Amino acid sequence: MDEKTYEKMIKILGSHPYALVMIKGINKLTTTLVYCIYPIFLLMLAFNGDLRFWRVFLTPGISFMLVSSF
């Protein structure tokens, strides 16, 4: 993203008073949905005996540990 694009986005957000509120709301909604759906998805994979369970279960934890170590 260059400076002109960033300024254009800020100008649009500044001209619509509820734009920032909407963006924050959508962000919170999507975060909450993933937070709720992820454990359900893990349980579904585990109960079905799907081997992808281990990849889906371990990848976030290992990634978090690797990122935290730097």
N, C-alpha and C. Protein backbone atom coordinates (compact mmCIF):
# COMPACT_ATOMS: atom_id res chain seq x y z
N MET A 1 0.86 -1.16 0.00
CA MET A 1 0.00 0.00 0.00
C MET A 1 0.90 1.23 0.00
N ASP A 2 0.60 2.14 -0.87
CA ASP A 2 1.40 3.36 -0.91
C ASP A 2 0.68 4.49 -0.16
N GLU A 3 1.33 5.63 -0.08
CA GLU A 3 0.82 6.75 0.71
C GLU A 3 -0.51 7.27 0.17
N LYS A 4 -0.64 7.35 -1.15
CA LYS A 4 -1.87 7.87 -1.74
C LYS A 4 -3.07 6.97 -1.42
N THR A 5 -2.87 5.68 -1.51
CA THR A 5 -3.95 4.74 -1.20
C THR A 5 -4.37 4.86 0.25
N TYR A 6 -3.38 4.96 1.14
CA TYR A 6 -3.67 5.09 2.56
C TYR A 6 -4.44 6.38 2.84
N GLU A 7 -4.02 7.48 2.26
CA GLU A 7 -4.71 8.76 2.47
C GLU A 7 -6.14 8.70 1.93
N LYS A 8 -6.34 8.03 0.81
CA LYS A 8 -7.68 7.89 0.24
C LYS A 8 -8.58 7.11 1.18
N MET A 9 -8.05 6.03 1.76
CA MET A 9 -8.84 5.22 2.69
C MET A 9 -9.20 6.03 3.94
N ILE A 10 -8.25 6.76 4.48
CA ILE A 10 -8.49 7.58 5.67
C ILE A 10 -9.53 8.66 5.37
N LYS A 11 -9.46 9.24 4.18
CA LYS A 11 -10.42 10.27 3.80
C LYS A 11 -11.84 9.69 3.74
N ILE A 12 -11.98 8.51 3.17
CA ILE A 12 -13.29 7.85 3.09
C ILE A 12 -13.82 7.56 4.49
N LEU A 13 -12.96 7.02 5.35
CA LEU A 13 -13.39 6.72 6.72
C LEU A 13 -13.76 7.98 7.48
N GLY A 14 -13.03 9.06 7.24
CA GLY A 14 -13.32 10.31 7.93
C GLY A 14 -14.62 10.95 7.47
N SER A 15 -15.01 10.71 6.23
CA SER A 15 -16.23 11.34 5.70
C SER A 15 -17.50 10.59 6.11
N HIS A 16 -17.37 9.36 6.56
CA HIS A 16 -18.52 8.57 7.02
C HIS A 16 -18.36 8.30 8.51
N PRO A 17 -19.16 8.95 9.33
CA PRO A 17 -18.95 8.85 10.78
C PRO A 17 -19.08 7.44 11.36
N TYR A 18 -19.89 6.60 10.77
CA TYR A 18 -20.08 5.26 11.32
C TYR A 18 -19.23 4.20 10.63
N ALA A 19 -18.40 4.60 9.68
CA ALA A 19 -17.58 3.63 8.95
C ALA A 19 -16.61 2.91 9.89
N LEU A 20 -15.95 3.66 10.75
CA LEU A 20 -15.01 3.05 11.67
C LEU A 20 -15.71 2.14 12.67
N VAL A 21 -16.89 2.55 13.11
CA VAL A 21 -17.68 1.72 14.03
C VAL A 21 -18.08 0.41 13.35
N MET A 22 -18.47 0.50 12.08
CA MET A 22 -18.85 -0.70 11.33
C MET A 22 -17.65 -1.62 11.14
N ILE A 23 -16.50 -1.07 10.82
CA ILE A 23 -15.30 -1.89 10.62
C ILE A 23 -14.93 -2.60 11.91
N LYS A 24 -14.99 -1.89 13.02
CA LYS A 24 -14.68 -2.50 14.32
C LYS A 24 -15.70 -3.58 14.66
N GLY A 25 -16.96 -3.34 14.35
CA GLY A 25 -18.01 -4.33 14.62
C GLY A 25 -17.84 -5.59 13.79
N ILE A 26 -17.54 -5.42 12.51
CA ILE A 26 -17.31 -6.57 11.63
C ILE A 26 -16.09 -7.35 12.10
N ASN A 27 -15.05 -6.64 12.50
CA ASN A 27 -13.85 -7.30 13.01
C ASN A 27 -14.17 -8.12 14.25
N LYS A 28 -14.92 -7.55 15.17
CA LYS A 28 -15.28 -8.27 16.40
C LYS A 28 -16.17 -9.47 16.08
N LEU A 29 -17.10 -9.31 15.15
CA LEU A 29 -18.00 -10.40 14.77
C LEU A 29 -17.22 -11.57 14.16
N THR A 30 -16.33 -11.29 13.22
CA THR A 30 -15.58 -12.37 12.59
C THR A 30 -14.64 -13.06 13.59
N THR A 31 -14.03 -12.28 14.48
CA THR A 31 -13.17 -12.87 15.50
C THR A 31 -13.97 -13.78 16.41
N THR A 32 -15.14 -13.34 16.83
CA THR A 32 -15.99 -14.15 17.71
C THR A 32 -16.47 -15.41 17.00
N LEU A 33 -16.83 -15.30 15.73
CA LEU A 33 -17.27 -16.48 14.98
C LEU A 33 -16.17 -17.53 14.90
N VAL A 34 -14.95 -17.11 14.58
CA VAL A 34 -13.84 -18.06 14.50
C VAL A 34 -13.56 -18.66 15.87
N TYR A 35 -13.62 -17.83 16.91
CA TYR A 35 -13.39 -18.30 18.28
C TYR A 35 -14.40 -19.38 18.68
N CYS A 36 -15.63 -19.24 18.22
CA CYS A 36 -16.68 -20.21 18.56
C CYS A 36 -16.66 -21.44 17.65
N ILE A 37 -16.38 -21.25 16.38
CA ILE A 37 -16.45 -22.34 15.42
C ILE A 37 -15.23 -23.25 15.47
N TYR A 38 -14.06 -22.73 15.79
CA TYR A 38 -12.83 -23.53 15.79
C TYR A 38 -12.92 -24.75 16.72
N PRO A 39 -13.34 -24.60 17.98
CA PRO A 39 -13.45 -25.80 18.83
C PRO A 39 -14.49 -26.80 18.32
N ILE A 40 -15.58 -26.29 17.76
CA ILE A 40 -16.60 -27.19 17.21
C ILE A 40 -16.02 -27.98 16.03
N PHE A 41 -15.26 -27.30 15.20
CA PHE A 41 -14.61 -27.94 14.06
C PHE A 41 -13.62 -29.01 14.55
N LEU A 42 -12.85 -28.70 15.59
CA LEU A 42 -11.91 -29.68 16.15
C LEU A 42 -12.64 -30.91 16.67
N LEU A 43 -13.73 -30.68 17.40
CA LEU A 43 -14.50 -31.81 17.93
C LEU A 43 -15.08 -32.67 16.80
N MET A 44 -15.56 -32.02 15.76
CA MET A 44 -16.11 -32.74 14.62
C MET A 44 -15.04 -33.63 13.98
N LEU A 45 -13.84 -33.07 13.78
CA LEU A 45 -12.75 -33.86 13.19
C LEU A 45 -12.36 -35.02 14.10
N ALA A 46 -12.30 -34.76 15.41
CA ALA A 46 -11.90 -35.80 16.37
C ALA A 46 -12.92 -36.93 16.40
N PHE A 47 -14.19 -36.60 16.48
CA PHE A 47 -15.23 -37.64 16.57
C PHE A 47 -15.37 -38.43 15.27
N ASN A 48 -15.03 -37.81 14.16
CA ASN A 48 -15.09 -38.52 12.88
C ASN A 48 -13.82 -39.31 12.59
N GLY A 49 -12.82 -39.19 13.45
CA GLY A 49 -11.57 -39.92 13.25
C GLY A 49 -10.74 -39.39 12.09
N ASP A 50 -10.95 -38.16 11.73
CA ASP A 50 -10.23 -37.54 10.62
C ASP A 50 -8.80 -37.22 11.06
N LEU A 51 -7.83 -37.66 10.28
CA LEU A 51 -6.43 -37.43 10.63
C LEU A 51 -6.01 -35.96 10.52
N ARG A 52 -6.81 -35.16 9.83
CA ARG A 52 -6.50 -33.73 9.75
C ARG A 52 -6.63 -33.06 11.11
N PHE A 53 -7.26 -33.73 12.07
CA PHE A 53 -7.42 -33.18 13.42
C PHE A 53 -6.08 -32.74 13.99
N TRP A 54 -5.07 -33.60 13.88
CA TRP A 54 -3.77 -33.29 14.48
C TRP A 54 -3.12 -32.09 13.82
N ARG A 55 -3.25 -31.98 12.51
CA ARG A 55 -2.67 -30.83 11.81
C ARG A 55 -3.39 -29.54 12.23
N VAL A 56 -4.71 -29.60 12.28
CA VAL A 56 -5.50 -28.42 12.65
C VAL A 56 -5.30 -28.08 14.13
N PHE A 57 -5.10 -29.08 14.97
CA PHE A 57 -4.92 -28.86 16.40
C PHE A 57 -3.52 -28.33 16.72
N LEU A 58 -2.50 -28.91 16.11
CA LEU A 58 -1.12 -28.57 16.47
C LEU A 58 -0.57 -27.33 15.76
N THR A 59 -1.02 -27.03 14.57
CA THR A 59 -0.45 -25.92 13.80
C THR A 59 -0.54 -24.58 14.53
N PRO A 60 -1.68 -24.17 15.08
CA PRO A 60 -1.71 -22.88 15.79
C PRO A 60 -0.78 -22.84 17.00
N GLY A 61 -0.71 -23.94 17.75
CA GLY A 61 0.15 -23.97 18.93
C GLY A 61 1.62 -23.89 18.58
N ILE A 62 2.04 -24.66 17.59
CA ILE A 62 3.43 -24.64 17.16
C ILE A 62 3.78 -23.28 16.57
N SER A 63 2.88 -22.74 15.76
CA SER A 63 3.12 -21.42 15.17
C SER A 63 3.26 -20.36 16.25
N PHE A 64 2.41 -20.41 17.27
CA PHE A 64 2.48 -19.45 18.37
C PHE A 64 3.82 -19.56 19.09
N MET A 65 4.28 -20.78 19.35
CA MET A 65 5.56 -20.96 20.05
C MET A 65 6.72 -20.45 19.20
N LEU A 66 6.69 -20.70 17.90
CA LEU A 66 7.76 -20.23 17.03
C LEU A 66 7.79 -18.71 16.94
N VAL A 67 6.64 -18.10 16.79
CA VAL A 67 6.57 -16.63 16.70
C VAL A 67 6.98 -16.01 18.03
N SER A 68 6.59 -16.63 19.14
CA SER A 68 6.92 -16.09 20.46
C SER A 68 8.41 -16.19 20.77
N SER A 69 9.10 -17.13 20.15
CA SER A 69 10.52 -17.31 20.45
C SER A 69 11.39 -16.25 19.78
N PHE A 70 10.87 -15.50 18.84
CA PHE A 70 11.66 -14.48 18.16
C PHE A 70 11.46 -13.13 18.76
